């Protein structure tokens, strides 16, 4: 991987539609040809394995790291002696050169975050490690009320959110495209 891809996060209380939104964003970005990796941070243990199956038994027997490899993919379970949620960059060696990494959860991580707010979801405000880069909401008169008002994006318009992501985090395809066929490019020539 030549350079670290941008990492952006989406945080919200449970029940706001955050996962649905992130799913829509990943789908649209992928359809546009971007390679997207995703990381989900949770507050409870989640096992991608079935209790009693072989890899689960190996982990329970004491393996610190258990891999399962099948014909269509693989996963790893690592035991941690204490609660540990590594920063997203920890996972980079396991990713296939993504254009962008989307993180769901991890409100304290050191990367730009979108705050997702749904008016009907009654929840206490989320305290972030830094102000969000934008608030994605269905409430026209939403006020962030923490010293400044971040840009507001419509919750029910994932294409608008994708446009914001493309404008602020992804390279313009025209900037990275090879020169047109037949073009003569000399060293130092920006064309």
C-alpha atoms as a PDB file:
ATOM      1  CA  UNK A   1       0.000   0.000   0.000  1.00  0.00           C
ATOM      2  CA  UNK A   2       1.639   3.204  -1.140  1.00  0.00           C
ATOM      3  CA  UNK A   3      -0.133   5.724   1.054  1.00  0.00           C
ATOM      4  CA  UNK A   4      -2.643   5.409   3.836  1.00  0.00           C
ATOM      5  CA  UNK A   5      -6.187   5.852   2.583  1.00  0.00           C
ATOM      6  CA  UNK A   6      -8.452   8.376   4.266  1.00  0.00           C
ATOM      7  CA  UNK A   7     -10.294   7.082   7.310  1.00  0.00           C
ATOM      8  CA  UNK A   8     -13.718   8.536   8.122  1.00  0.00           C
ATOM      9  CA  UNK A   9     -16.103   7.561  10.882  1.00  0.00           C
ATOM     10  CA  UNK A  10     -19.830   7.580  11.489  1.00  0.00           C
ATOM     11  CA  UNK A  11     -21.048   7.820  15.072  1.00  0.00           C
ATOM     12  CA  UNK A  12     -24.528   7.936  16.554  1.00  0.00           C
ATOM     13  CA  UNK A  13     -26.605   6.445  19.309  1.00  0.00           C
ATOM     14  CA  UNK A  14     -28.186   3.087  18.539  1.00  0.00           C
ATOM     15  CA  UNK A  15     -31.417   3.266  16.565  1.00  0.00           C
ATOM     16  CA  UNK A  16     -30.593   6.302  14.429  1.00  0.00           C
ATOM     17  CA  UNK A  17     -30.107   4.424  11.153  1.00  0.00           C
ATOM     18  CA  UNK A  18     -26.318   4.687  11.192  1.00  0.00           C
ATOM     19  CA  UNK A  19     -25.694   1.155   9.896  1.00  0.00           C
ATOM     20  CA  UNK A  20     -28.283   1.548   7.138  1.00  0.00           C
ATOM     21  CA  UNK A  21     -26.670   4.820   6.066  1.00  0.00           C
ATOM     22  CA  UNK A  22     -23.140   3.362   6.122  1.00  0.00           C
ATOM     23  CA  UNK A  23     -24.370   0.383   4.088  1.00  0.00           C
ATOM     24  CA  UNK A  24     -25.877   2.750   1.478  1.00  0.00           C
ATOM     25  CA  UNK A  25     -22.674   4.808   1.333  1.00  0.00           C
ATOM     26  CA  UNK A  26     -20.468   1.750   0.852  1.00  0.00           C
ATOM     27  CA  UNK A  27     -22.767   0.462  -1.882  1.00  0.00           C
ATOM     28  CA  UNK A  28     -22.760   3.786  -3.773  1.00  0.00           C
ATOM     29  CA  UNK A  29     -19.016   4.356  -3.426  1.00  0.00           C
ATOM     30  CA  UNK A  30     -18.335   0.791  -4.599  1.00  0.00           C
ATOM     31  CA  UNK A  31     -20.634   1.270  -7.595  1.00  0.00           C
ATOM     32  CA  UNK A  32     -18.586   4.357  -8.512  1.00  0.00           C
ATOM     33  CA  UNK A  33     -15.465   2.181  -8.601  1.00  0.00           C
ATOM     34  CA  UNK A  34     -13.946   3.103  -5.236  1.00  0.00           C
ATOM     35  CA  UNK A  35     -12.429   0.326  -3.122  1.00  0.00           C
ATOM     36  CA  UNK A  36     -13.987   0.600   0.326  1.00  0.00           C
ATOM     37  CA  UNK A  37     -12.953  -1.168   3.520  1.00  0.00           C
ATOM     38  CA  UNK A  38     -15.143  -1.031   6.600  1.00  0.00           C
ATOM     39  CA  UNK A  39     -14.478  -1.443  10.305  1.00  0.00           C
ATOM     40  CA  UNK A  40     -17.279  -1.884  12.829  1.00  0.00           C
ATOM     41  CA  UNK A  41     -16.555  -1.025  16.445  1.00  0.00           C
ATOM     42  CA  UNK A  42     -19.007  -2.325  19.019  1.00  0.00           C
ATOM     43  CA  UNK A  43     -19.625  -2.200  22.725  1.00  0.00           C
ATOM     44  CA  UNK A  44     -20.080  -5.950  23.121  1.00  0.00           C
ATOM     45  CA  UNK A  45     -18.257  -9.059  21.973  1.00  0.00           C
ATOM     46  CA  UNK A  46     -19.299 -10.354  18.584  1.00  0.00           C
ATOM     47  CA  UNK A  47     -18.055 -13.683  17.334  1.00  0.00           C
ATOM     48  CA  UNK A  48     -18.083 -14.457  13.614  1.00  0.00           C
ATOM     49  CA  UNK A  49     -17.956 -18.107  14.533  1.00  0.00           C
ATOM     50  CA  UNK A  50     -20.533 -20.655  15.646  1.00  0.00           C
ATOM     51  CA  UNK A  51     -20.217 -21.904  19.227  1.00  0.00           C
ATOM     52  CA  UNK A  52     -18.997 -25.490  19.288  1.00  0.00           C
ATOM     53  CA  UNK A  53     -17.556 -25.452  15.759  1.00  0.00           C
ATOM     54  CA  UNK A  54     -13.875 -26.269  15.207  1.00  0.00           C
ATOM     55  CA  UNK A  55     -12.405 -22.743  15.135  1.00  0.00           C
ATOM     56  CA  UNK A  56     -14.462 -21.785  18.200  1.00  0.00           C
ATOM     57  CA  UNK A  57     -13.149 -24.862  20.022  1.00  0.00           C
ATOM     58  CA  UNK A  58      -9.543 -23.981  19.109  1.00  0.00           C
ATOM     59  CA  UNK A  59      -9.997 -20.436  20.440  1.00  0.00           C
ATOM     60  CA  UNK A  60     -11.590 -21.685  23.659  1.00  0.00           C
ATOM     61  CA  UNK A  61      -8.726 -24.166  24.088  1.00  0.00           C
ATOM     62  CA  UNK A  62      -6.358 -21.215  24.425  1.00  0.00           C
ATOM     63  CA  UNK A  63      -5.260 -20.113  20.948  1.00  0.00           C
ATOM     64  CA  UNK A  64      -4.459 -16.406  21.155  1.00  0.00           C
ATOM     65  CA  UNK A  65      -5.179 -15.964  17.456  1.00  0.00           C
ATOM     66  CA  UNK A  66      -7.489 -18.199  15.445  1.00  0.00           C
ATOM     67  CA  UNK A  67      -7.967 -17.950  11.698  1.00  0.00           C
ATOM     68  CA  UNK A  68     -10.749 -19.529   9.713  1.00  0.00           C
ATOM     69  CA  UNK A  69     -10.188 -19.802   5.982  1.00  0.00           C
ATOM     70  CA  UNK A  70     -12.864 -20.969   3.581  1.00  0.00           C
ATOM     71  CA  UNK A  71     -13.308 -20.957  -0.185  1.00  0.00           C
ATOM     72  CA  UNK A  72     -14.763 -17.428  -0.238  1.00  0.00           C
ATOM     73  CA  UNK A  73     -12.916 -15.603   2.530  1.00  0.00           C
ATOM     74  CA  UNK A  74     -11.311 -15.725   5.930  1.00  0.00           C
ATOM     75  CA  UNK A  75     -11.584 -14.168   9.355  1.00  0.00           C
ATOM     76  CA  UNK A  76      -9.416 -13.909  12.430  1.00  0.00           C
ATOM     77  CA  UNK A  77     -10.307 -13.862  16.100  1.00  0.00           C
ATOM     78  CA  UNK A  78      -7.665 -12.550  18.480  1.00  0.00           C
ATOM     79  CA  UNK A  79      -8.040 -12.835  22.201  1.00  0.00           C
ATOM     80  CA  UNK A  80      -7.100  -9.752  24.183  1.00  0.00           C
ATOM     81  CA  UNK A  81      -6.081  -9.959  27.851  1.00  0.00           C
ATOM     82  CA  UNK A  82      -8.082  -6.808  28.536  1.00  0.00           C
ATOM     83  CA  UNK A  83     -10.642  -4.841  26.562  1.00  0.00           C
ATOM     84  CA  UNK A  84      -8.833  -3.572  23.497  1.00  0.00           C
ATOM     85  CA  UNK A  85     -10.088  -1.783  20.412  1.00  0.00           C
ATOM     86  CA  UNK A  86      -7.149  -0.843  18.219  1.00  0.00           C
ATOM     87  CA  UNK A  87      -7.137   2.253  16.035  1.00  0.00           C
ATOM     88  CA  UNK A  88      -8.257   1.664  12.430  1.00  0.00           C
ATOM     89  CA  UNK A  89      -4.660   1.836  11.147  1.00  0.00           C
ATOM     90  CA  UNK A  90      -4.025  -1.451  12.998  1.00  0.00           C
ATOM     91  CA  UNK A  91      -6.176  -3.217  10.387  1.00  0.00           C
ATOM     92  CA  UNK A  92      -4.414  -1.748   7.315  1.00  0.00           C
ATOM     93  CA  UNK A  93      -2.114  -4.758   6.713  1.00  0.00           C
ATOM     94  CA  UNK A  94      -5.231  -6.924   6.328  1.00  0.00           C
ATOM     95  CA  UNK A  95      -6.876  -4.653   3.743  1.00  0.00           C
ATOM     96  CA  UNK A  96      -6.523  -4.837  -0.019  1.00  0.00           C
ATOM     97  CA  UNK A  97      -5.390  -1.302  -0.881  1.00  0.00           C
ATOM     98  CA  UNK A  98      -8.682   0.523  -0.259  1.00  0.00           C
ATOM     99  CA  UNK A  99      -9.377   4.027  -1.539  1.00  0.00           C
ATOM    100  CA  UNK A 100     -11.170   4.839   1.716  1.00  0.00           C
ATOM    101  CA  UNK A 101     -11.855   3.217   5.091  1.00  0.00           C
ATOM    102  CA  UNK A 102     -15.257   3.743   6.678  1.00  0.00           C
ATOM    103  CA  UNK A 103     -15.481   3.219  10.424  1.00  0.00           C
ATOM    104  CA  UNK A 104     -18.785   2.685  12.171  1.00  0.00           C
ATOM    105  CA  UNK A 105     -18.546   3.544  15.846  1.00  0.00           C
ATOM    106  CA  UNK A 106     -15.388   4.432  17.799  1.00  0.00           C
ATOM    107  CA  UNK A 107     -16.347   7.939  18.852  1.00  0.00           C
ATOM    108  CA  UNK A 108     -12.938   8.509  20.480  1.00  0.00           C
ATOM    109  CA  UNK A 109     -10.808   7.592  17.450  1.00  0.00           C
ATOM    110  CA  UNK A 110      -8.373  10.096  15.962  1.00  0.00           C
ATOM    111  CA  UNK A 111      -9.950  10.531  12.501  1.00  0.00           C
ATOM    112  CA  UNK A 112     -12.696  12.738  11.006  1.00  0.00           C
ATOM    113  CA  UNK A 113     -16.221  11.769  11.999  1.00  0.00           C
ATOM    114  CA  UNK A 114     -19.764  12.378  10.833  1.00  0.00           C
ATOM    115  CA  UNK A 115     -22.391  12.624  13.561  1.00  0.00           C
ATOM    116  CA  UNK A 116     -25.635  10.906  12.530  1.00  0.00           C
ATOM    117  CA  UNK A 117     -28.765  12.358  14.149  1.00  0.00           C
ATOM    118  CA  UNK A 118     -32.363  11.231  13.712  1.00  0.00           C
ATOM    119  CA  UNK A 119     -35.001  13.497  15.194  1.00  0.00           C
ATOM    120  CA  UNK A 120     -37.277  10.612  16.227  1.00  0.00           C
ATOM    121  CA  UNK A 121     -34.484   8.728  18.010  1.00  0.00           C
ATOM    122  CA  UNK A 122     -34.477   9.931  21.578  1.00  0.00           C
ATOM    123  CA  UNK A 123     -30.967   9.521  22.861  1.00  0.00           C
ATOM    124  CA  UNK A 124     -28.451  11.421  24.906  1.00  0.00           C
ATOM    125  CA  UNK A 125     -25.885  13.402  22.895  1.00  0.00           C
ATOM    126  CA  UNK A 126     -22.657  11.662  21.949  1.00  0.00           C
ATOM    127  CA  UNK A 127     -19.430  13.169  23.233  1.00  0.00           C
ATOM    128  CA  UNK A 128     -16.775  13.047  20.533  1.00  0.00           C
ATOM    129  CA  UNK A 129     -13.005  13.436  20.845  1.00  0.00           C
ATOM    130  CA  UNK A 130     -13.201  16.276  18.275  1.00  0.00           C
ATOM    131  CA  UNK A 131     -16.078  18.144  16.636  1.00  0.00           C
ATOM    132  CA  UNK A 132     -17.700  16.297  13.723  1.00  0.00           C
ATOM    133  CA  UNK A 133     -16.864  17.336  10.177  1.00  0.00           C
ATOM    134  CA  UNK A 134     -20.585  17.257   9.385  1.00  0.00           C
ATOM    135  CA  UNK A 135     -23.898  16.304  10.950  1.00  0.00           C
ATOM    136  CA  UNK A 136     -26.107  13.978   8.929  1.00  0.00           C
ATOM    137  CA  UNK A 137     -29.675  14.542  10.086  1.00  0.00           C
ATOM    138  CA  UNK A 138     -33.341  14.530   9.145  1.00  0.00           C
ATOM    139  CA  UNK A 139     -33.979  17.553  11.377  1.00  0.00           C
ATOM    140  CA  UNK A 140     -33.920  20.835   9.431  1.00  0.00           C
ATOM    141  CA  UNK A 141     -33.401  22.982  12.528  1.00  0.00           C
ATOM    142  CA  UNK A 142     -30.800  20.751  14.217  1.00  0.00           C
ATOM    143  CA  UNK A 143     -28.220  22.653  16.249  1.00  0.00           C
ATOM    144  CA  UNK A 144     -24.951  21.004  17.230  1.00  0.00           C
ATOM    145  CA  UNK A 145     -24.639  23.528  20.078  1.00  0.00           C
ATOM    146  CA  UNK A 146     -20.977  22.918  20.964  1.00  0.00           C
ATOM    147  CA  UNK A 147     -19.381  26.198  19.944  1.00  0.00           C
ATOM    148  CA  UNK A 148     -19.758  25.942  16.187  1.00  0.00           C
ATOM    149  CA  UNK A 149     -22.203  24.605  13.626  1.00  0.00           C
ATOM    150  CA  UNK A 150     -20.751  21.924  11.322  1.00  0.00           C
ATOM    151  CA  UNK A 151     -22.064  21.453   7.813  1.00  0.00           C
ATOM    152  CA  UNK A 152     -25.411  19.679   7.789  1.00  0.00           C
ATOM    153  CA  UNK A 153     -26.198  16.883   5.315  1.00  0.00           C
ATOM    154  CA  UNK A 154     -29.585  15.212   4.723  1.00  0.00           C
ATOM    155  CA  UNK A 155     -29.944  11.817   6.399  1.00  0.00           C
ATOM    156  CA  UNK A 156     -32.388  10.591   3.765  1.00  0.00           C
ATOM    157  CA  UNK A 157     -30.132  11.515   0.832  1.00  0.00           C
ATOM    158  CA  UNK A 158     -27.094   9.211   0.822  1.00  0.00           C
ATOM    159  CA  UNK A 159     -26.053  10.593  -2.580  1.00  0.00           C
ATOM    160  CA  UNK A 160     -25.495  14.016  -0.966  1.00  0.00           C
ATOM    161  CA  UNK A 161     -23.295  12.380   1.683  1.00  0.00           C
ATOM    162  CA  UNK A 162     -21.365  10.495  -1.017  1.00  0.00           C
ATOM    163  CA  UNK A 163     -20.840  13.808  -2.827  1.00  0.00           C
ATOM    164  CA  UNK A 164     -19.411  15.338   0.362  1.00  0.00           C
ATOM    165  CA  UNK A 165     -17.107  12.334   0.848  1.00  0.00           C
ATOM    166  CA  UNK A 166     -15.902  12.500  -2.760  1.00  0.00           C
ATOM    167  CA  UNK A 167     -15.269  16.245  -2.546  1.00  0.00           C
ATOM    168  CA  UNK A 168     -13.369  16.121   0.750  1.00  0.00           C
ATOM    169  CA  UNK A 169     -11.709  12.693   0.977  1.00  0.00           C
ATOM    170  CA  UNK A 170     -11.380  10.985  -2.388  1.00  0.00           C
ATOM    171  CA  UNK A 171      -9.164  11.906  -5.310  1.00  0.00           C
ATOM    172  CA  UNK A 172     -10.768  13.364  -8.376  1.00  0.00           C
ATOM    173  CA  UNK A 173     -10.649  10.568 -10.971  1.00  0.00           C
ATOM    174  CA  UNK A 174      -9.485  13.148 -13.536  1.00  0.00           C
ATOM    175  CA  UNK A 175      -6.451  13.916 -11.331  1.00  0.00           C
ATOM    176  CA  UNK A 176      -5.324  10.293 -11.222  1.00  0.00           C
ATOM    177  CA  UNK A 177      -6.293   9.228 -14.733  1.00  0.00           C
ATOM    178  CA  UNK A 178      -3.451   8.447 -17.130  1.00  0.00           C
ATOM    179  CA  UNK A 179      -2.808  10.963 -19.897  1.00  0.00           C
ATOM    180  CA  UNK A 180      -4.953  10.537 -23.014  1.00  0.00           C
ATOM    181  CA  UNK A 181      -3.618   8.085 -25.586  1.00  0.00           C
ATOM    182  CA  UNK A 182      -1.032   9.738 -27.802  1.00  0.00           C
ATOM    183  CA  UNK A 183      -0.254  12.536 -25.330  1.00  0.00           C
ATOM    184  CA  UNK A 184       3.420  13.370 -24.937  1.00  0.00           C
ATOM    185  CA  UNK A 185       4.334  13.855 -21.295  1.00  0.00           C
ATOM    186  CA  UNK A 186       7.777  15.002 -20.260  1.00  0.00           C
ATOM    187  CA  UNK A 187       9.189  14.729 -16.718  1.00  0.00           C
ATOM    188  CA  UNK A 188       7.866  17.593 -14.622  1.00  0.00           C
ATOM    189  CA  UNK A 189       4.988  18.239 -17.033  1.00  0.00           C
ATOM    190  CA  UNK A 190       1.780  18.291 -14.928  1.00  0.00           C
ATOM    191  CA  UNK A 191      -0.365  17.184 -17.862  1.00  0.00           C
END
